[in-house]
Amino acid sequence: MAGSATATAGTIPAAPAHADERMDPKKLIAFFAMVLGMFMSILDIQIVSASLAEIQAGLSAGSDEIGWVQTSYLIAEVIMIPLSGTLARIISTRYLFAISAAGFTMASALAATATNIDQMIVYRVIQGFIGGGMIPSVFAAAFTIFPPSKRSIVSPIIGLIATLAPTIGPTVGGYLSHAFSWHWLFLVNIIPGIIVTIVTWNFIDFDKPELSLFKKFDWWGLISMGVFLGGLEYVLEEGNSNDWFNDSYITIAAVASGAAAIVFFYRAFTVDFPVVDLKAFANRNFSFGSVFSFVMGIGLYGLTYIYPVYLGRIRGYDSLMIGETMFVSGLAMFLTAPIAGRLSTKMDLRLMMVIGFVSFAAGTFIMMHLTADWDFYELFIPQILRGFGLMMCMVPINNIALGTMPPSRIRGASGLFNLTRNLGGAVGLAVINTVLTNRQDVHYERLRENMDWGNPAAIDQMNNMAANFNTYGMDGASVAIKQMVGLATKQAIILSFSDVFLILTALFLAMILGVAMIKKPAPQGGGGGGGH
């Protein structure tokens, strides 16, 4: 199943038009420490995805509870991401990032000490909420301290980190839980977290706090935003497993989210200092870039989820084997990043996006022909196409969305932009799970219709199986029927996977048409990479 700062117009200093090409080493050190912090925060979304069974056993949790190890983190993070821009403006990037890094590190240590599922959920909420403050700050910092001439280098770096982290999350998590224990999924954050905290506290000096704004802080806007986004994330994450609106909690969450959304949007457009600045959407390229970011969230988190589901349920892979297989996409992204950065200075960014979406669609088209026998080598090319497509889309989308924003709005815009990718991932996972469930039932009914006493092939198959089991002194007929049901169920699951890949293929091809609706941007853009 899954598995990326917003504020009113801030006063971020703009990079001079002819900025000195020499970068202040102090700012470079601070920036790369921030990138490491962002990597840890995004990685922790997916690092537990391949190891939930180990965590469940260690905490003696129920199968209906263990999913909250991931869901609680996502809900908390999706609230903090748009809020962090306002907080950065009030207390400054230095204080926000250093406090976020320190809090994230402590919450990681607490998660490793959890002895039951309730403790784990509380610690994951703290971890996700505080960690979410590190993500958008990196994008704002990229625009603040790097001259435009350097952004073709910076953009792929941030884009790579932001997309690579959730992609290799299952790999890293699978290795750690297999080689050591599930506790190391969280302990691994402690040393890097301490380093990031110390470096950012001592080296960040991009902006100054505006503490006077705290008096204008819109508390009702914050509360309504928390209920709106938290409720929405809960509905999307838990809806399919709880039978959507037939579940009272899902219904309550949906109603609360809808009511809070009305309050939130009303205050966002009426108060002097809203908790989220939505005026960034007045920029046409930013609006279209956010739509593309939403779709990329579906591709990033949806495919990061569906591959492990197939490998676990159909192929019987453990967490380490899933991680080793998924690593192909991450390697493809890593190798494509410098190519995408180079092309972004020489090619129409819209053409890059078309190439990326075509690559994405080609990979999912191949996966439409999935069978129960597909293994590492059959998944190799689709994963390469996915990794290549992600990076070819990521750099131009971010440059198109953020490259035309005035510096004063970058903090707010980067948070909204990251939020769209997170929400895209949440919506994508909800749709994928719903399609898998519903289409599996449909395919099973169709297969069962053909496995009746009037089908000679089915009768021969069952008789052969029954005879084989009879030789072992078993009740061949009953065992054969169970085996046939199992085969039909497995094939129904495979066909439902094919349906999901068909939908994703159509979606990515449709995005090619959307590219024609955006204005031609300058070849040299400056956005940061995607959020998660």
Protein backbone atom coordinates (compact mmCIF):
# COMPACT_ATOMS: atom_id res chain seq x y z
CA MET A 1 0.00 0.00 0.00
CA ALA A 2 1.34 2.08 0.45
CA GLY A 3 3.67 4.78 0.08
CA SER A 4 5.83 14.27 0.04
CA ALA A 5 5.78 24.47 4.04
CA THR A 6 3.17 26.61 3.42
CA ALA A 7 2.62 30.10 4.60
CA THR A 8 1.48 33.49 3.64
CA ALA A 9 3.83 35.57 1.60
CA GLY A 10 7.07 35.41 3.50
CA THR A 11 10.05 37.67 3.25
CA ILE A 12 12.62 35.32 1.79
CA PRO A 13 15.44 37.26 0.19
CA ALA A 14 15.57 36.78 -3.55
CA ALA A 15 18.74 35.59 -5.23
CA PRO A 16 20.34 38.48 -7.15
CA ALA A 17 19.98 38.33 -10.91
CA HIS A 18 23.72 38.07 -11.31
CA ALA A 19 24.59 36.25 -8.13
CA ASP A 20 28.17 35.41 -7.41
CA GLU A 21 28.86 31.92 -8.71
CA ARG A 22 30.88 31.16 -5.58
CA MET A 23 28.69 29.59 -2.96
CA ASP A 24 29.20 30.26 0.73
CA PRO A 25 30.58 26.93 2.07
CA LYS A 26 28.64 27.46 5.31
CA LYS A 27 25.36 27.65 3.40
CA LEU A 28 26.26 24.61 1.30
CA ILE A 29 26.95 22.55 4.43
CA ALA A 30 23.66 23.70 5.93
CA PHE A 31 21.76 22.90 2.74
CA PHE A 32 23.08 19.35 2.40
CA ALA A 33 22.38 18.71 6.07
CA MET A 34 18.80 19.81 5.37
CA VAL A 35 18.63 17.45 2.39
CA LEU A 36 19.72 14.58 4.67
CA GLY A 37 17.00 15.53 7.14
CA MET A 38 14.41 15.56 4.36
CA PHE A 39 15.63 12.16 3.18
CA MET A 40 15.15 10.64 6.64
CA SER A 41 11.67 12.11 6.99
CA ILE A 42 10.47 10.85 3.61
CA LEU A 43 12.23 7.49 3.97
CA ASP A 44 10.32 6.79 7.18
CA ILE A 45 7.02 6.70 5.31
CA GLN A 46 7.96 3.54 3.44
CA ILE A 47 10.75 2.04 5.56
CA VAL A 48 8.18 0.10 7.59
CA SER A 49 6.07 -1.04 4.60
CA ALA A 50 8.00 -4.27 3.90
CA SER A 51 8.47 -5.06 7.59
CA LEU A 52 4.98 -4.67 9.05
CA ALA A 53 4.77 -8.41 9.75
CA GLU A 54 7.93 -8.27 11.89
CA ILE A 55 6.67 -5.21 13.77
CA GLN A 56 3.27 -6.86 14.27
CA ALA A 57 4.90 -9.93 15.80
CA GLY A 58 7.20 -7.84 17.99
CA LEU A 59 4.35 -5.72 19.37
CA SER A 60 1.78 -8.55 19.51
CA ALA A 61 -0.53 -6.35 17.45
CA GLY A 62 -3.64 -7.43 15.58
CA SER A 63 -3.79 -7.51 11.78
CA ASP A 64 -6.31 -4.66 11.84
CA GLU A 65 -4.03 -2.52 14.02
CA ILE A 66 -0.61 -2.84 12.42
CA GLY A 67 -1.47 -0.66 9.42
CA TRP A 68 -1.65 2.29 11.79
CA VAL A 69 2.15 2.21 12.10
CA GLN A 70 2.15 3.73 8.62
CA THR A 71 -1.21 5.53 8.60
CA SER A 72 -0.55 7.50 11.80
CA TYR A 73 2.73 8.81 10.39
CA LEU A 74 1.09 9.88 7.13
CA ILE A 75 -1.81 11.68 8.80
CA ALA A 76 0.51 13.64 11.11
CA GLU A 77 2.94 14.52 8.33
CA VAL A 78 0.27 15.71 5.91
CA ILE A 79 -0.89 18.25 8.52
CA MET A 80 2.59 19.59 9.23
CA ILE A 81 3.73 19.99 5.62
CA PRO A 82 1.46 22.95 4.77
CA LEU A 83 1.88 24.42 8.26
CA SER A 84 5.68 24.46 8.21
CA GLY A 85 5.95 27.51 5.93
CA THR A 86 4.05 29.67 8.40
CA LEU A 87 6.14 28.35 11.28
CA ALA A 88 9.37 28.99 9.33
CA ARG A 89 8.27 32.58 8.77
CA ILE A 90 7.44 33.12 12.45
CA ILE A 91 10.42 31.40 14.13
CA SER A 92 12.85 31.23 11.13
CA THR A 93 14.10 28.27 9.11
CA ARG A 94 16.97 27.71 11.54
CA TYR A 95 14.81 27.13 14.60
CA LEU A 96 12.13 25.19 12.73
CA PHE A 97 14.55 22.80 11.06
CA ALA A 98 16.79 22.21 14.06
CA ILE A 99 13.80 21.62 16.35
CA SER A 100 12.20 19.33 13.75
CA ALA A 101 15.41 17.31 13.34
CA ALA A 102 15.88 16.97 17.10
CA GLY A 103 12.24 16.02 17.69
CA PHE A 104 12.27 13.53 14.82
CA THR A 105 15.40 11.90 16.24
CA MET A 106 13.93 11.59 19.73
CA ALA A 107 10.64 10.23 18.37
CA SER A 108 12.61 7.65 16.36
CA ALA A 109 14.38 6.51 19.51
CA LEU A 110 11.04 6.25 21.32
CA ALA A 111 9.52 4.22 18.47
CA ALA A 112 12.37 1.71 18.80
CA THR A 113 11.48 1.25 22.48
CA ALA A 114 7.73 0.73 21.93
CA THR A 115 6.38 -2.38 23.63
CA ASN A 116 2.80 -2.28 22.32
CA ILE A 117 0.89 -0.94 19.33
CA ASP A 118 -0.58 2.03 21.24
CA GLN A 119 2.85 3.35 22.16
CA MET A 120 4.08 2.85 18.61
CA ILE A 121 1.18 4.82 17.13
CA VAL A 122 1.77 7.75 19.51
CA TYR A 123 5.49 7.83 18.73
CA ARG A 124 4.83 7.58 14.98
CA VAL A 125 2.41 10.51 15.17
CA ILE A 126 5.10 12.61 16.86
CA GLN A 127 7.69 11.42 14.37
CA GLY A 128 5.53 12.20 11.34
CA PHE A 129 4.30 15.59 12.58
CA ILE A 130 7.71 16.93 13.60
CA GLY A 131 9.51 15.32 10.65
CA GLY A 132 7.10 16.91 8.19
CA GLY A 133 8.57 20.31 9.06
CA MET A 134 11.86 19.40 7.39
CA ILE A 135 10.51 18.66 3.91
CA PRO A 136 9.27 21.96 2.43
CA SER A 137 12.03 24.00 4.10
CA VAL A 138 14.57 22.38 1.76
CA PHE A 139 12.75 23.70 -1.31
CA ALA A 140 12.56 27.24 0.05
CA ALA A 141 16.24 27.10 0.98
CA ALA A 142 17.16 26.01 -2.55
CA PHE A 143 15.55 29.15 -3.95
CA THR A 144 17.04 31.35 -1.25
CA ILE A 145 20.70 30.41 -1.36
CA PHE A 146 21.30 29.13 -4.91
CA PRO A 147 21.51 31.44 -7.92
CA PRO A 148 19.33 30.44 -10.91
CA SER A 149 22.39 29.17 -12.79
CA LYS A 150 22.88 26.46 -10.15
CA ARG A 151 19.31 25.20 -10.06
CA SER A 152 19.76 22.69 -12.88
CA ILE A 153 22.09 20.91 -10.43
CA VAL A 154 20.09 21.49 -7.26
CA SER A 155 16.72 20.49 -8.73
CA PRO A 156 17.72 16.91 -9.69
CA ILE A 157 19.46 16.44 -6.33
CA ILE A 158 16.36 17.32 -4.33
CA GLY A 159 14.09 15.52 -6.80
CA LEU A 160 16.25 12.40 -6.55
CA ILE A 161 16.27 12.42 -2.74
CA ALA A 162 12.53 13.06 -2.50
CA THR A 163 11.62 10.24 -4.91
CA LEU A 164 14.43 7.83 -4.08
CA ALA A 165 13.62 7.83 -0.36
CA PRO A 166 10.14 6.26 -0.64
CA THR A 167 11.28 3.99 -3.48
CA ILE A 168 14.17 2.42 -1.57
CA GLY A 169 12.26 2.50 1.72
CA PRO A 170 11.14 -1.15 1.38
CA THR A 171 14.72 -2.12 0.43
CA VAL A 172 16.30 -0.43 3.44
CA GLY A 173 13.55 -1.59 5.78
CA GLY A 174 13.67 -5.16 4.52
CA TYR A 175 17.43 -5.34 4.94
CA LEU A 176 17.46 -3.85 8.44
CA SER A 177 14.66 -6.02 9.78
CA HIS A 178 16.12 -9.13 8.16
CA ALA A 179 19.74 -8.55 9.21
CA PHE A 180 19.06 -7.11 12.66
CA SER A 181 15.51 -6.51 13.97
CA TRP A 182 12.58 -4.19 13.34
CA HIS A 183 13.90 -1.83 16.05
CA TRP A 184 16.64 -0.76 13.63
CA LEU A 185 14.04 0.73 11.30
CA PHE A 186 13.98 3.59 13.81
CA LEU A 187 17.39 3.38 15.47
CA VAL A 188 19.03 4.03 12.09
CA ASN A 189 17.78 7.65 12.30
CA ILE A 190 19.52 8.54 15.54
CA ILE A 191 23.12 9.26 14.47
CA PRO A 192 22.18 11.10 11.22
CA GLY A 193 19.48 12.95 13.16
CA ILE A 194 21.97 14.20 15.75
CA ILE A 195 24.34 15.33 12.99
CA VAL A 196 21.57 17.16 11.12
CA THR A 197 20.39 18.87 14.32
CA ILE A 198 23.87 20.13 15.23
CA VAL A 199 24.79 21.24 11.70
CA THR A 200 21.53 23.03 10.93
CA TRP A 201 21.50 24.79 14.32
CA ASN A 202 25.01 26.13 13.73
CA PHE A 203 25.00 26.77 9.99
CA ILE A 204 21.51 27.86 8.88
CA ASP A 205 21.27 31.62 8.58
CA PHE A 206 18.90 32.17 5.66
CA ASP A 207 16.23 34.31 7.30
CA LYS A 208 15.23 36.00 10.54
CA PRO A 209 12.25 35.21 12.78
CA GLU A 210 9.17 37.43 12.70
CA LEU A 211 7.86 36.69 16.17
CA SER A 212 5.35 39.54 15.97
CA LEU A 213 3.33 37.41 13.52
CA PHE A 214 2.59 34.93 16.29
CA LYS A 215 -0.01 37.36 17.63
CA LYS A 216 -1.89 37.05 14.31
CA PHE A 217 -1.64 33.26 14.13
CA ASP A 218 -4.94 31.75 12.96
CA TRP A 219 -5.62 29.03 15.52
CA TRP A 220 -9.06 28.25 14.11
CA GLY A 221 -7.47 27.90 10.70
CA LEU A 222 -4.91 25.46 12.12
CA ILE A 223 -7.56 23.36 13.87
CA SER A 224 -9.81 23.24 10.80
CA MET A 225 -6.86 22.38 8.55
CA GLY A 226 -5.82 19.56 10.90
CA VAL A 227 -9.31 18.06 10.96
CA PHE A 228 -9.73 18.55 7.19
CA LEU A 229 -6.44 16.96 6.11
CA GLY A 230 -6.26 14.41 8.94
CA GLY A 231 -9.82 13.23 8.33
CA LEU A 232 -9.27 13.08 4.58
CA GLU A 233 -6.08 11.05 4.98
CA TYR A 234 -7.82 8.68 7.40
CA VAL A 235 -10.74 8.10 5.00
CA LEU A 236 -8.39 7.44 2.08
CA GLU A 237 -6.07 5.17 4.06
CA GLU A 238 -8.68 3.13 5.92
CA GLY A 239 -11.71 3.36 3.62
CA ASN A 240 -11.19 0.22 1.55
CA SER A 241 -10.30 -2.08 4.44
CA ASN A 242 -13.28 -0.80 6.47
CA ASP A 243 -15.84 -0.99 3.65
CA TRP A 244 -15.93 2.77 3.14
CA PHE A 245 -19.13 4.50 4.30
CA ASN A 246 -20.62 1.33 5.72
CA ASP A 247 -18.22 1.95 8.61
CA SER A 248 -19.36 4.57 11.13
CA TYR A 249 -15.83 5.86 11.81
CA ILE A 250 -15.17 6.43 8.11
CA THR A 251 -18.48 8.29 7.79
CA ILE A 252 -17.77 10.47 10.83
CA ALA A 253 -14.27 11.25 9.56
CA ALA A 254 -15.60 12.17 6.10
CA VAL A 255 -18.28 14.49 7.51
CA ALA A 256 -15.81 16.12 9.91
CA SER A 257 -13.28 16.57 7.11
CA GLY A 258 -15.87 18.15 4.82
CA ALA A 259 -17.13 20.55 7.50
CA ALA A 260 -13.58 21.49 8.52
CA ALA A 261 -12.68 22.09 4.86
CA ILE A 262 -15.41 24.74 4.61
CA VAL A 263 -14.09 26.52 7.70
CA PHE A 264 -10.49 26.21 6.55
CA PHE A 265 -11.05 27.65 3.06
CA TYR A 266 -13.24 30.45 4.43
CA ARG A 267 -10.53 31.55 6.85
CA ALA A 268 -7.76 31.08 4.28
CA PHE A 269 -9.40 33.75 2.12
CA THR A 270 -10.64 36.13 4.81
CA VAL A 271 -8.12 36.46 7.68
CA ASP A 272 -5.10 38.76 7.51
CA PHE A 273 -2.54 36.04 8.24
CA PRO A 274 -3.96 32.67 7.11
CA VAL A 275 -2.24 29.49 8.20
CA VAL A 276 -1.92 28.55 4.50
CA ASP A 277 -1.47 30.97 1.60
CA LEU A 278 -3.59 29.63 -1.27
CA LYS A 279 -2.83 32.58 -3.54
CA ALA A 280 -0.04 30.55 -5.14
CA PHE A 281 -2.73 28.76 -7.17
CA ALA A 282 -3.40 32.02 -9.03
CA ASN A 283 -0.18 31.23 -10.91
CA ARG A 284 -1.29 29.10 -13.86
CA ASN A 285 1.90 27.09 -14.14
CA PHE A 286 1.92 26.40 -10.41
CA SER A 287 -1.68 25.14 -10.59
CA PHE A 288 -0.93 22.80 -13.49
CA GLY A 289 2.35 21.77 -11.87
CA SER A 290 0.41 20.82 -8.73
CA VAL A 291 -1.96 18.67 -10.80
CA PHE A 292 1.03 16.89 -12.33
CA SER A 293 2.55 16.57 -8.84
CA PHE A 294 -0.69 14.93 -7.68
CA VAL A 295 -0.46 12.39 -10.51
CA MET A 296 3.22 11.78 -9.80
CA GLY A 297 2.23 11.03 -6.20
CA ILE A 298 -0.06 8.30 -7.55
CA GLY A 299 2.78 6.89 -9.65
CA LEU A 300 5.39 7.18 -6.91
CA TYR A 301 3.47 5.79 -3.96
CA GLY A 302 1.01 3.61 -5.88
CA LEU A 303 3.70 1.62 -7.66
CA THR A 304 5.91 1.51 -4.56
CA TYR A 305 2.94 -0.20 -2.91
CA ILE A 306 1.65 -2.52 -5.62
CA TYR A 307 4.96 -4.20 -6.48
CA PRO A 308 5.56 -5.45 -2.90
CA VAL A 309 1.93 -6.58 -2.67
CA TYR A 310 2.37 -8.72 -5.79
CA LEU A 311 5.75 -10.07 -4.67
CA GLY A 312 4.47 -10.89 -1.20
CA ARG A 313 1.03 -12.33 -1.99
CA ILE A 314 1.77 -14.09 -5.28
CA ARG A 315 5.48 -14.85 -5.23
CA GLY A 316 5.80 -15.35 -1.46
CA TYR A 317 8.82 -13.06 -1.11
CA ASP A 318 10.01 -11.98 2.32
CA SER A 319 10.86 -8.35 3.15
CA LEU A 320 14.52 -8.67 2.10
CA MET A 321 13.71 -10.23 -1.28
CA ILE A 322 11.07 -7.55 -1.93
CA GLY A 323 13.60 -4.85 -1.09
CA GLU A 324 16.24 -6.32 -3.41
CA THR A 325 13.75 -6.44 -6.27
CA MET A 326 12.48 -2.90 -5.68
CA PHE A 327 16.02 -1.52 -5.67
CA VAL A 328 16.05 -1.52 -9.48
CA SER A 329 13.77 1.54 -9.65
CA GLY A 330 15.96 3.42 -7.20
CA LEU A 331 19.10 2.64 -9.19
CA ALA A 332 17.40 3.82 -12.39
CA MET A 333 16.46 7.11 -10.70
CA PHE A 334 19.98 7.61 -9.41
CA LEU A 335 21.48 7.13 -12.87
CA THR A 336 18.83 9.29 -14.57
CA ALA A 337 19.08 12.29 -12.21
CA PRO A 338 22.19 13.89 -13.76
CA ILE A 339 20.79 13.28 -17.25
CA ALA A 340 17.52 14.99 -16.32
CA GLY A 341 19.41 17.92 -14.80
CA ARG A 342 21.47 18.35 -17.94
CA LEU A 343 18.48 18.10 -20.26
CA SER A 344 16.52 20.66 -18.22
CA THR A 345 18.94 23.36 -19.41
CA LYS A 346 18.80 22.34 -23.07
CA MET A 347 15.34 20.94 -23.78
CA ASP A 348 11.79 22.26 -23.62
CA LEU A 349 10.65 21.14 -20.18
CA ARG A 350 7.29 20.12 -21.62
CA LEU A 351 9.02 17.67 -23.97
CA MET A 352 10.89 16.21 -20.99
CA MET A 353 7.58 15.67 -19.24
CA VAL A 354 6.14 13.92 -22.30
CA ILE A 355 9.15 11.59 -22.42
CA GLY A 356 8.73 10.89 -18.71
CA PHE A 357 5.01 10.14 -18.91
CA VAL A 358 5.52 7.92 -21.98
CA SER A 359 8.18 5.98 -20.08
CA PHE A 360 5.86 5.66 -17.09
CA ALA A 361 3.00 4.47 -19.31
CA ALA A 362 5.26 1.99 -21.13
CA GLY A 363 6.28 0.43 -17.82
CA THR A 364 2.70 0.02 -16.60
CA PHE A 365 1.61 -1.23 -20.05
CA ILE A 366 4.14 -4.05 -19.83
CA MET A 367 2.85 -4.87 -16.33
CA MET A 368 -0.67 -5.30 -17.74
CA HIS A 369 0.52 -8.70 -19.01
CA LEU A 370 1.53 -9.82 -15.51
CA THR A 371 1.36 -13.54 -14.67
CA ALA A 372 1.90 -15.51 -11.46
CA ASP A 373 5.35 -16.55 -12.75
CA TRP A 374 6.85 -13.08 -13.14
CA ASP A 375 10.03 -12.67 -11.15
CA PHE A 376 12.95 -10.26 -10.81
CA TYR A 377 13.90 -10.38 -14.49
CA GLU A 378 10.36 -9.88 -15.82
CA LEU A 379 9.96 -6.87 -13.51
CA PHE A 380 13.38 -5.47 -14.43
CA ILE A 381 12.42 -3.42 -17.53
CA PRO A 382 9.15 -2.02 -16.07
CA GLN A 383 11.05 -0.84 -13.01
CA ILE A 384 13.74 0.83 -15.11
CA LEU A 385 11.06 2.59 -17.16
CA ARG A 386 9.38 3.70 -13.95
CA GLY A 387 12.59 5.08 -12.41
CA PHE A 388 13.61 6.83 -15.64
CA GLY A 389 10.12 8.26 -16.10
CA LEU A 390 9.96 9.57 -12.52
CA MET A 391 13.13 11.62 -12.83
CA MET A 392 12.34 12.85 -16.34
CA CYS A 393 9.00 14.14 -15.03
CA MET A 394 10.13 15.31 -11.61
CA VAL A 395 12.66 17.96 -12.58
CA PRO A 396 10.51 19.77 -15.19
CA ILE A 397 7.34 19.55 -13.09
CA ASN A 398 9.06 21.18 -10.13
CA ASN A 399 10.73 23.82 -12.29
CA ILE A 400 7.43 24.61 -14.02
CA ALA A 401 5.50 24.82 -10.75
CA LEU A 402 8.03 26.68 -8.61
CA GLY A 403 10.34 28.29 -11.16
CA THR A 404 7.95 31.17 -11.90
CA MET A 405 6.95 31.88 -8.28
CA PRO A 406 8.18 35.12 -6.71
CA PRO A 407 10.70 34.51 -3.92
CA SER A 408 8.27 35.88 -1.32
CA ARG A 409 5.86 33.00 -1.99
CA ILE A 410 8.32 30.12 -2.32
CA ARG A 411 7.93 28.89 1.26
CA GLY A 412 4.16 28.70 0.97
CA ALA A 413 4.16 27.35 -2.57
CA SER A 414 6.66 24.58 -1.81
CA GLY A 415 4.47 23.34 1.03
CA LEU A 416 1.36 23.26 -1.13
CA PHE A 417 3.32 21.54 -3.87
CA ASN A 418 4.57 18.83 -1.52
CA LEU A 419 1.08 18.44 -0.10
CA THR A 420 -0.38 17.71 -3.54
CA ARG A 421 2.07 14.85 -3.99
CA ASN A 422 1.17 13.37 -0.60
CA LEU A 423 -2.53 13.65 -1.32
CA GLY A 424 -1.98 12.14 -4.77
CA GLY A 425 -0.31 9.18 -3.12
CA ALA A 426 -3.15 8.81 -0.60
CA VAL A 427 -5.85 9.00 -3.29
CA GLY A 428 -3.89 6.64 -5.52
CA LEU A 429 -3.51 4.04 -2.79
CA ALA A 430 -7.21 4.26 -1.94
CA VAL A 431 -8.22 3.78 -5.58
CA ILE A 432 -5.70 0.98 -6.14
CA ASN A 433 -6.87 -0.93 -3.08
CA THR A 434 -10.51 -0.48 -4.01
CA VAL A 435 -9.90 -1.66 -7.59
CA LEU A 436 -7.88 -4.65 -6.38
CA THR A 437 -10.64 -5.69 -3.99
CA ASN A 438 -13.62 -5.14 -6.30
CA ARG A 439 -12.06 -6.48 -9.48
CA GLN A 440 -10.73 -9.56 -7.68
CA ASP A 441 -14.31 -10.43 -6.73
CA VAL A 442 -15.52 -9.84 -10.29
CA HIS A 443 -12.77 -11.95 -11.84
CA TYR A 444 -13.26 -14.73 -9.31
CA GLU A 445 -16.97 -14.96 -10.13
CA ARG A 446 -16.18 -15.16 -13.85
CA LEU A 447 -13.54 -17.83 -13.33
CA ARG A 448 -15.85 -19.82 -11.09
CA GLU A 449 -18.55 -19.79 -13.78
CA ASN A 450 -16.14 -21.61 -16.08
CA MET A 451 -15.10 -24.15 -13.44
CA ASP A 452 -18.34 -26.11 -13.33
CA TRP A 453 -19.28 -29.73 -14.05
CA GLY A 454 -20.00 -28.85 -17.67
CA ASN A 455 -16.41 -27.84 -18.40
CA PRO A 456 -14.42 -30.93 -19.52
CA ALA A 457 -11.05 -29.23 -19.01
CA ALA A 458 -11.93 -28.26 -15.44
CA ILE A 459 -13.25 -31.78 -14.69
CA ASP A 460 -10.09 -33.41 -16.09
CA GLN A 461 -7.88 -31.09 -14.07
CA MET A 462 -9.76 -31.80 -10.85
CA ASN A 463 -9.85 -35.57 -11.46
CA ASN A 464 -6.10 -35.63 -12.04
CA MET A 465 -5.49 -33.63 -8.88
CA ALA A 466 -7.87 -35.85 -6.87
CA ALA A 467 -6.16 -39.00 -8.12
CA ASN A 468 -2.78 -37.57 -7.18
CA PHE A 469 -3.91 -36.76 -3.63
CA ASN A 470 -5.60 -40.18 -3.28
CA THR A 471 -2.22 -41.86 -3.75
CA TYR A 472 -1.12 -40.15 -0.53
CA GLY A 473 -4.10 -41.52 1.36
CA MET A 474 -5.91 -38.18 1.41
CA ASP A 475 -9.50 -37.30 0.56
CA GLY A 476 -8.57 -36.46 -3.02
CA ALA A 477 -11.90 -34.92 -4.08
CA SER A 478 -12.16 -32.37 -1.26
CA VAL A 479 -8.48 -31.45 -1.40
CA ALA A 480 -8.69 -31.03 -5.19
CA ILE A 481 -11.68 -28.69 -4.84
CA LYS A 482 -9.74 -26.56 -2.33
CA GLN A 483 -6.78 -26.49 -4.70
CA MET A 484 -8.99 -25.40 -7.60
CA VAL A 485 -10.49 -22.61 -5.47
CA GLY A 486 -6.98 -21.49 -4.55
CA LEU A 487 -5.91 -21.43 -8.20
CA ALA A 488 -8.99 -19.42 -9.18
CA THR A 489 -8.40 -16.94 -6.35
CA LYS A 490 -4.76 -16.50 -7.30
CA GLN A 491 -5.64 -15.92 -10.94
CA ALA A 492 -8.35 -13.43 -9.94
CA ILE A 493 -5.77 -11.47 -7.96
CA ILE A 494 -3.42 -11.44 -10.97
CA LEU A 495 -6.19 -10.15 -13.24
CA SER A 496 -7.07 -7.41 -10.74
CA PHE A 497 -3.42 -6.29 -10.78
CA SER A 498 -3.65 -6.08 -14.59
CA ASP A 499 -6.72 -3.86 -14.25
CA VAL A 500 -4.82 -1.48 -11.96
CA PHE A 501 -1.93 -1.23 -14.41
CA LEU A 502 -4.40 -0.55 -17.24
CA ILE A 503 -5.87 2.39 -15.29
CA LEU A 504 -2.41 3.75 -14.50
CA THR A 505 -1.37 3.47 -18.15
CA ALA A 506 -4.42 5.46 -19.25
CA LEU A 507 -3.75 8.07 -16.54
CA PHE A 508 -0.13 8.65 -17.55
CA LEU A 509 -1.05 8.88 -21.23
CA ALA A 510 -3.77 11.41 -20.37
CA MET A 511 -1.14 13.58 -18.67
CA ILE A 512 0.59 13.98 -22.03
CA LEU A 513 -2.48 15.93 -23.19
CA GLY A 514 -2.30 18.05 -20.05
CA VAL A 515 1.26 19.10 -20.89
CA ALA A 516 -0.09 21.04 -23.87
CA MET A 517 -2.08 23.28 -21.52
CA ILE A 518 0.90 24.81 -19.72
CA LYS A 519 2.87 27.81 -20.87
CA LYS A 520 6.30 27.21 -22.29
CA PRO A 521 8.76 27.72 -19.42
CA ALA A 522 12.34 28.85 -19.73
CA PRO A 523 14.73 25.90 -20.27
CA GLN A 524 16.63 26.81 -17.10
CA GLY A 525 14.20 26.36 -14.24
CA GLY A 526 14.80 26.43 -10.58
CA GLY A 527 12.39 24.28 -8.65
CA GLY A 528 13.29 21.79 -6.03
CA GLY A 529 12.43 18.21 -6.35
CA GLY A 530 9.32 16.59 -5.37
CA GLY A 531 8.01 16.11 -1.98
CA HIS A 532 6.71 12.93 -0.98
